[in-house]
Amino acid sequence: MTQIICGVDVSGETLDARIGRDGRHERFARTVEGITALAAFCRQHGVELVVMEATGGYEKLPFAQLWAEDLPCAVVNPRAVRDFAKAMGRLEKTDRLDAGIIAWYAEIKGIVAQAPASPAQQQLQALVTRLRQLTAAHTAQKNQRRLVGEPAVLALFDELIAVLKRQMRQIEQAIAGLLDADPLWQALDRAFREIKGVADRSVARLMAELPEIGTLSNKAIAKLVGVAPIANDTGKRKGRRPVRGGRAAPRALLFTIAEIVRRHVPDFADFHQKLSQAGKAKKVIRVALARKLLVRLNAKARDVRQQLALAA
């Protein structure tokens, strides 16, 4: 049976909701009261799934509140929805039309509800994101300081750098506390750091940005991150297989960690040497090393989850 889906086009101030591809449409404010009205609208029309696009964070409030009101929700990639609309010949773009396209895409694609992250997971994500921002700011300030010779300006740099370092230490302590308080995270932290070159901060980022690790197959997790080569063959032609899409933040992290790991772990070093001797491009080698590391981390995470499940 066809599922009744409500597509929601999210903006900074409004939520445009449409039942199915071309059903009833209403606009609501992106406020607590407006989302409550949206929930009533969905229940009135027997909606079984609410689907919205990721919009840089504007979707977080409606997503969380609708789940709290027992309305299953899912967040989808806006690029995929726009590509789908183009493929279907829908070049027009309004908030009302977009909401219908989102519902149509979810129906054809078979989108399922995605439960919201736990409060601890959300807190970890927020802390890791802020630590990454502060680290970037700290590096930028240190680089800019090298170009300054005026004592008064140097003092201002030193003051700001000291504040950034203090906040970074506070966040690192908060992250460590979160990891220690969760048995799964604690076990994953120990397992991941068995690989020489994988440090605490890297582990925290992986847990925050890739919570699915250990629950998916190696192929699925590689595709999710964006380190799975995409087939590009037709007829007798065997094209180059690029990597595309996926989660940029954990992918960039894996590139960095894999380069460190291959200096310390023999089979990674051998793998790197084998690819180099085969004449593979540097980018191809980077992707291959990152995928190898991800597969190993995924296997360790799978073992940890299984052991905890058996012990429960």
Protein backbone atom coordinates (compact mmCIF):
# COMPACT_ATOMS: atom_id res chain seq x y z
CA MET A 1 0.00 0.00 0.00
CA THR A 2 1.16 3.54 -0.77
CA GLN A 3 2.41 5.41 2.27
CA ILE A 4 1.02 8.89 2.93
CA ILE A 5 4.02 11.23 2.92
CA CYS A 6 4.17 14.91 3.76
CA GLY A 7 6.98 16.80 2.06
CA VAL A 8 8.23 19.86 3.93
CA ASP A 9 10.26 22.63 2.30
CA VAL A 10 12.23 24.28 5.12
CA SER A 11 13.46 27.86 5.19
CA GLY A 12 14.70 30.13 7.94
CA GLU A 13 11.22 31.40 8.85
CA THR A 14 8.64 29.11 7.23
CA LEU A 15 7.74 25.47 6.62
CA ASP A 16 5.83 24.66 3.44
CA ALA A 17 4.06 21.31 3.80
CA ARG A 18 2.35 19.32 1.06
CA ILE A 19 0.57 15.99 1.24
CA GLY A 20 2.07 13.79 -1.43
CA ARG A 21 3.11 14.92 -4.88
CA ASP A 22 0.25 17.36 -5.52
CA GLY A 23 -2.03 17.23 -2.48
CA ARG A 24 -3.09 19.77 0.11
CA HIS A 25 -0.56 22.53 0.85
CA GLU A 26 -0.18 24.80 3.86
CA ARG A 27 2.52 27.11 5.17
CA PHE A 28 3.56 27.26 8.83
CA ALA A 29 5.99 29.39 10.80
CA ARG A 30 9.26 27.70 11.76
CA THR A 31 8.49 28.16 15.44
CA VAL A 32 7.40 25.82 18.21
CA GLU A 33 3.78 26.91 17.69
CA GLY A 34 4.05 26.60 13.92
CA ILE A 35 5.50 23.10 14.13
CA THR A 36 2.71 22.08 16.50
CA ALA A 37 0.24 23.27 13.87
CA LEU A 38 2.17 21.31 11.22
CA ALA A 39 1.91 18.18 13.35
CA ALA A 40 -1.87 18.67 13.62
CA PHE A 41 -2.04 19.16 9.83
CA CYS A 42 -0.16 15.87 9.31
CA ARG A 43 -2.37 13.94 11.72
CA GLN A 44 -5.48 15.38 10.06
CA HIS A 45 -4.38 13.89 6.73
CA GLY A 46 -3.16 10.56 8.12
CA VAL A 47 0.51 11.24 7.34
CA GLU A 48 2.80 8.28 8.05
CA LEU A 49 6.12 9.93 7.21
CA VAL A 50 7.33 13.55 7.12
CA VAL A 51 10.28 14.22 4.84
CA MET A 52 12.35 17.41 4.66
CA GLU A 53 15.62 18.48 3.10
CA ALA A 54 18.81 19.23 5.00
CA THR A 55 19.06 23.02 5.00
CA GLY A 56 22.16 23.84 7.01
CA GLY A 57 20.51 23.34 10.39
CA TYR A 58 17.09 24.96 9.89
CA GLU A 59 15.58 21.47 9.70
CA LYS A 60 16.77 20.45 13.20
CA LEU A 61 13.96 22.11 15.18
CA PRO A 62 11.04 20.72 13.12
CA PHE A 63 12.71 17.32 12.85
CA ALA A 64 13.16 16.99 16.62
CA GLN A 65 9.74 18.42 17.54
CA LEU A 66 7.81 16.29 15.05
CA TRP A 67 9.50 13.17 16.38
CA ALA A 68 8.59 14.31 19.90
CA GLU A 69 4.98 14.48 18.71
CA ASP A 70 5.20 10.86 17.45
CA LEU A 71 5.44 11.76 13.77
CA PRO A 72 8.22 9.74 12.04
CA CYS A 73 10.53 11.95 10.00
CA ALA A 74 13.43 11.71 7.58
CA VAL A 75 15.93 14.23 6.26
CA VAL A 76 17.09 13.89 2.65
CA ASN A 77 19.87 15.36 0.52
CA PRO A 78 18.67 18.52 -1.29
CA ARG A 79 20.94 17.86 -4.27
CA ALA A 80 19.38 14.42 -4.75
CA VAL A 81 15.89 15.94 -4.62
CA ARG A 82 16.81 18.64 -7.16
CA ASP A 83 18.39 16.06 -9.50
CA PHE A 84 15.22 13.97 -9.19
CA ALA A 85 13.07 16.98 -10.07
CA LYS A 86 15.16 17.68 -13.17
CA ALA A 87 15.01 14.05 -14.22
CA MET A 88 11.22 14.20 -13.96
CA GLY A 89 11.11 17.37 -16.05
CA ARG A 90 10.09 19.59 -13.13
CA LEU A 91 12.25 22.66 -13.72
CA GLU A 92 9.92 25.12 -11.98
CA LYS A 93 10.84 25.96 -8.39
CA THR A 94 8.59 27.40 -5.71
CA ASP A 95 8.27 26.46 -2.05
CA ARG A 96 4.92 24.79 -2.72
CA LEU A 97 6.23 22.81 -5.69
CA ASP A 98 9.41 21.87 -3.80
CA ALA A 99 7.39 20.39 -0.94
CA GLY A 100 5.52 18.18 -3.40
CA ILE A 101 8.75 17.14 -5.12
CA ILE A 102 10.23 16.14 -1.75
CA ALA A 103 7.22 13.92 -1.01
CA TRP A 104 7.35 12.43 -4.52
CA TYR A 105 11.09 11.76 -4.23
CA ALA A 106 10.58 10.06 -0.85
CA GLU A 107 7.84 7.83 -2.30
CA ILE A 108 9.86 6.75 -5.35
CA LYS A 109 13.10 6.34 -3.41
CA GLY A 110 11.45 4.42 -0.57
CA ILE A 111 12.76 6.74 2.14
CA VAL A 112 12.27 5.42 5.66
CA ALA A 113 12.11 7.26 8.96
CA GLN A 114 15.40 8.16 10.66
CA ALA A 115 15.23 8.27 14.44
CA PRO A 116 16.80 11.40 15.95
CA ALA A 117 20.17 11.15 17.60
CA SER A 118 20.25 10.69 21.36
CA PRO A 119 20.92 13.78 23.52
CA ALA A 120 24.45 12.48 24.20
CA GLN A 121 25.09 12.01 20.47
CA GLN A 122 23.82 15.51 19.72
CA GLN A 123 26.03 16.93 22.48
CA LEU A 124 29.06 15.06 21.15
CA GLN A 125 28.40 16.32 17.61
CA ALA A 126 28.08 19.89 18.85
CA LEU A 127 31.28 19.69 20.92
CA VAL A 128 33.28 18.08 18.11
CA THR A 129 32.06 20.68 15.62
CA ARG A 130 32.97 23.53 17.94
CA LEU A 131 36.40 22.02 18.67
CA ARG A 132 37.07 21.79 14.94
CA GLN A 133 36.06 25.45 14.50
CA LEU A 134 38.25 26.60 17.39
CA THR A 135 41.20 24.57 16.09
CA ALA A 136 40.88 26.23 12.69
CA ALA A 137 40.67 29.67 14.32
CA HIS A 138 43.69 28.90 16.52
CA THR A 139 45.76 27.87 13.50
CA ALA A 140 44.70 30.97 11.57
CA GLN A 141 45.60 33.30 14.45
CA LYS A 142 49.03 31.71 14.90
CA ASN A 143 49.74 32.05 11.17
CA GLN A 144 48.64 35.70 11.16
CA ARG A 145 50.74 36.42 14.26
CA ARG A 146 53.92 35.48 12.39
CA LEU A 147 53.41 38.46 10.08
CA VAL A 148 53.16 41.01 12.89
CA GLY A 149 56.03 42.77 14.67
CA GLU A 150 54.22 45.51 16.61
CA PRO A 151 54.28 44.60 20.36
CA ALA A 152 50.82 46.01 21.09
CA VAL A 153 49.26 43.96 18.28
CA LEU A 154 51.23 40.86 19.30
CA ALA A 155 49.77 41.18 22.79
CA LEU A 156 46.25 41.18 21.30
CA PHE A 157 47.07 38.05 19.32
CA ASP A 158 48.46 36.34 22.42
CA GLU A 159 45.34 37.20 24.40
CA LEU A 160 43.02 35.74 21.77
CA ILE A 161 45.18 32.65 21.26
CA ALA A 162 45.15 32.01 25.02
CA VAL A 163 41.33 32.19 25.06
CA LEU A 164 41.09 29.77 22.13
CA LYS A 165 43.48 27.31 23.80
CA ARG A 166 41.53 27.49 27.07
CA GLN A 167 38.22 26.79 25.34
CA MET A 168 39.78 23.95 23.34
CA ARG A 169 41.01 22.30 26.54
CA GLN A 170 37.56 22.67 28.11
CA ILE A 171 35.87 21.06 25.12
CA GLU A 172 38.41 18.23 25.02
CA GLN A 173 37.68 17.51 28.70
CA ALA A 174 33.93 17.57 28.04
CA ILE A 175 34.34 15.16 25.11
CA ALA A 176 36.46 12.81 27.23
CA GLY A 177 33.77 12.86 29.89
CA LEU A 178 31.08 11.95 27.36
CA LEU A 179 33.12 9.05 25.98
CA ASP A 180 33.86 7.71 29.46
CA ALA A 181 30.16 7.86 30.42
CA ASP A 182 28.99 5.67 27.52
CA PRO A 183 30.00 1.96 27.53
CA LEU A 184 29.81 1.69 23.72
CA TRP A 185 31.89 4.80 23.10
CA GLN A 186 34.37 3.72 25.76
CA ALA A 187 34.80 0.33 24.09
CA LEU A 188 35.04 1.86 20.61
CA ASP A 189 37.66 4.32 21.85
CA ARG A 190 39.83 1.45 23.13
CA ALA A 191 39.35 -0.61 19.97
CA PHE A 192 40.09 2.21 17.54
CA ARG A 193 43.22 3.30 19.38
CA GLU A 194 44.63 -0.21 18.97
CA ILE A 195 45.55 1.01 15.48
CA LYS A 196 48.76 2.98 15.94
CA GLY A 197 48.27 6.53 14.70
CA VAL A 198 44.59 6.84 15.68
CA ALA A 199 44.36 9.41 18.50
CA ASP A 200 41.64 10.40 20.98
CA ARG A 201 40.49 13.47 19.06
CA SER A 202 40.16 11.44 15.86
CA VAL A 203 38.10 8.81 17.67
CA ALA A 204 35.72 11.45 19.02
CA ARG A 205 35.22 12.94 15.57
CA LEU A 206 34.49 9.53 14.07
CA MET A 207 31.89 8.77 16.73
CA ALA A 208 30.28 12.18 16.28
CA GLU A 209 30.27 12.31 12.48
CA LEU A 210 29.92 8.61 11.66
CA PRO A 211 27.67 7.06 14.35
CA GLU A 212 26.68 4.28 11.91
CA ILE A 213 30.16 2.75 12.05
CA GLY A 214 29.96 -0.95 12.90
CA THR A 215 26.30 -1.23 11.87
CA LEU A 216 26.82 -1.27 8.08
CA SER A 217 28.69 -3.52 5.68
CA ASN A 218 32.12 -2.44 4.51
CA LYS A 219 30.74 -1.52 1.08
CA ALA A 220 27.87 0.47 2.57
CA ILE A 221 30.07 2.42 5.00
CA ALA A 222 32.57 3.20 2.21
CA LYS A 223 29.76 4.53 0.04
CA LEU A 224 28.34 6.54 2.94
CA VAL A 225 31.69 8.26 3.52
CA GLY A 226 32.43 8.67 -0.18
CA VAL A 227 35.51 6.46 -0.61
CA ALA A 228 33.83 3.84 -2.80
CA PRO A 229 34.80 4.08 -6.49
CA ILE A 230 31.79 4.58 -8.75
CA ALA A 231 31.53 2.35 -11.83
CA ASN A 232 31.89 4.26 -15.10
CA ASP A 233 31.78 1.57 -17.81
CA THR A 234 29.79 1.38 -21.02
CA GLY A 235 30.06 -1.20 -23.77
CA LYS A 236 33.70 -2.14 -24.18
CA ARG A 237 34.94 1.02 -22.49
CA LYS A 238 36.23 0.73 -18.95
CA GLY A 239 36.23 4.25 -17.60
CA ARG A 240 38.01 5.72 -14.61
CA ARG A 241 36.09 5.09 -11.41
CA PRO A 242 35.85 8.31 -9.44
CA VAL A 243 34.68 8.82 -5.85
CA ARG A 244 31.90 11.29 -5.37
CA GLY A 245 29.50 12.47 -2.67
CA GLY A 246 29.46 11.08 0.84
CA ARG A 247 30.26 12.82 4.11
CA ALA A 248 33.05 15.31 3.59
CA ALA A 249 34.09 15.73 7.25
CA PRO A 250 34.83 12.06 8.12
CA ARG A 251 36.34 11.53 4.67
CA ALA A 252 38.83 14.37 5.19
CA LEU A 253 39.60 13.00 8.64
CA LEU A 254 40.26 9.51 7.26
CA PHE A 255 42.65 10.94 4.64
CA THR A 256 44.69 12.54 7.43
CA ILE A 257 44.67 9.56 9.79
CA ALA A 258 45.47 7.04 7.04
CA GLU A 259 48.61 8.98 6.13
CA ILE A 260 49.77 8.73 9.77
CA VAL A 261 48.75 5.09 10.16
CA ARG A 262 50.66 3.96 7.09
CA ARG A 263 53.89 5.23 8.71
CA HIS A 264 53.39 2.97 11.72
CA VAL A 265 51.38 -0.09 10.58
CA PRO A 266 53.30 -2.49 8.30
CA ASP A 267 50.41 -3.72 6.13
CA PHE A 268 49.35 -0.13 5.41
CA ALA A 269 52.92 0.74 4.46
CA ASP A 270 53.11 -2.32 2.20
CA PHE A 271 49.77 -1.43 0.60
CA HIS A 272 50.96 2.13 -0.05
CA GLN A 273 54.22 0.85 -1.58
CA LYS A 274 52.39 -1.66 -3.78
CA LEU A 275 50.08 1.03 -5.19
CA SER A 276 52.98 3.43 -5.73
CA GLN A 277 55.01 0.84 -7.58
CA ALA A 278 51.98 0.09 -9.75
CA GLY A 279 52.02 3.72 -10.88
CA LYS A 280 48.73 4.71 -9.25
CA ALA A 281 48.00 8.43 -8.95
CA LYS A 282 48.53 10.03 -5.54
CA LYS A 283 44.82 10.77 -5.16
CA VAL A 284 43.95 7.15 -5.93
CA ILE A 285 46.41 6.00 -3.27
CA ARG A 286 44.96 8.43 -0.70
CA VAL A 287 41.44 7.17 -1.33
CA ALA A 288 42.54 3.53 -1.21
CA LEU A 289 44.35 4.02 2.10
CA ALA A 290 41.38 5.87 3.59
CA ARG A 291 39.04 3.08 2.52
CA LYS A 292 41.35 0.42 3.95
CA LEU A 293 41.43 2.27 7.28
CA LEU A 294 37.65 2.75 7.28
CA VAL A 295 37.08 -0.96 6.62
CA ARG A 296 39.37 -1.88 9.52
CA LEU A 297 37.69 0.58 11.88
CA ASN A 298 34.28 -0.68 10.77
CA ALA A 299 35.29 -4.27 11.50
CA LYS A 300 36.53 -3.32 14.97
CA ALA A 301 33.33 -1.39 15.66
CA ARG A 302 31.23 -4.35 14.50
CA ASP A 303 33.10 -6.68 16.87
CA VAL A 304 32.65 -4.26 19.77
CA ARG A 305 28.92 -3.94 19.16
CA GLN A 306 28.53 -7.71 18.96
CA GLN A 307 30.47 -8.27 22.18
CA LEU A 308 28.39 -5.69 24.05
CA ALA A 309 25.17 -7.21 22.69
CA LEU A 310 26.20 -10.67 23.90
CA ALA A 311 27.16 -9.31 27.31
CA ALA A 312 23.82 -7.51 27.75
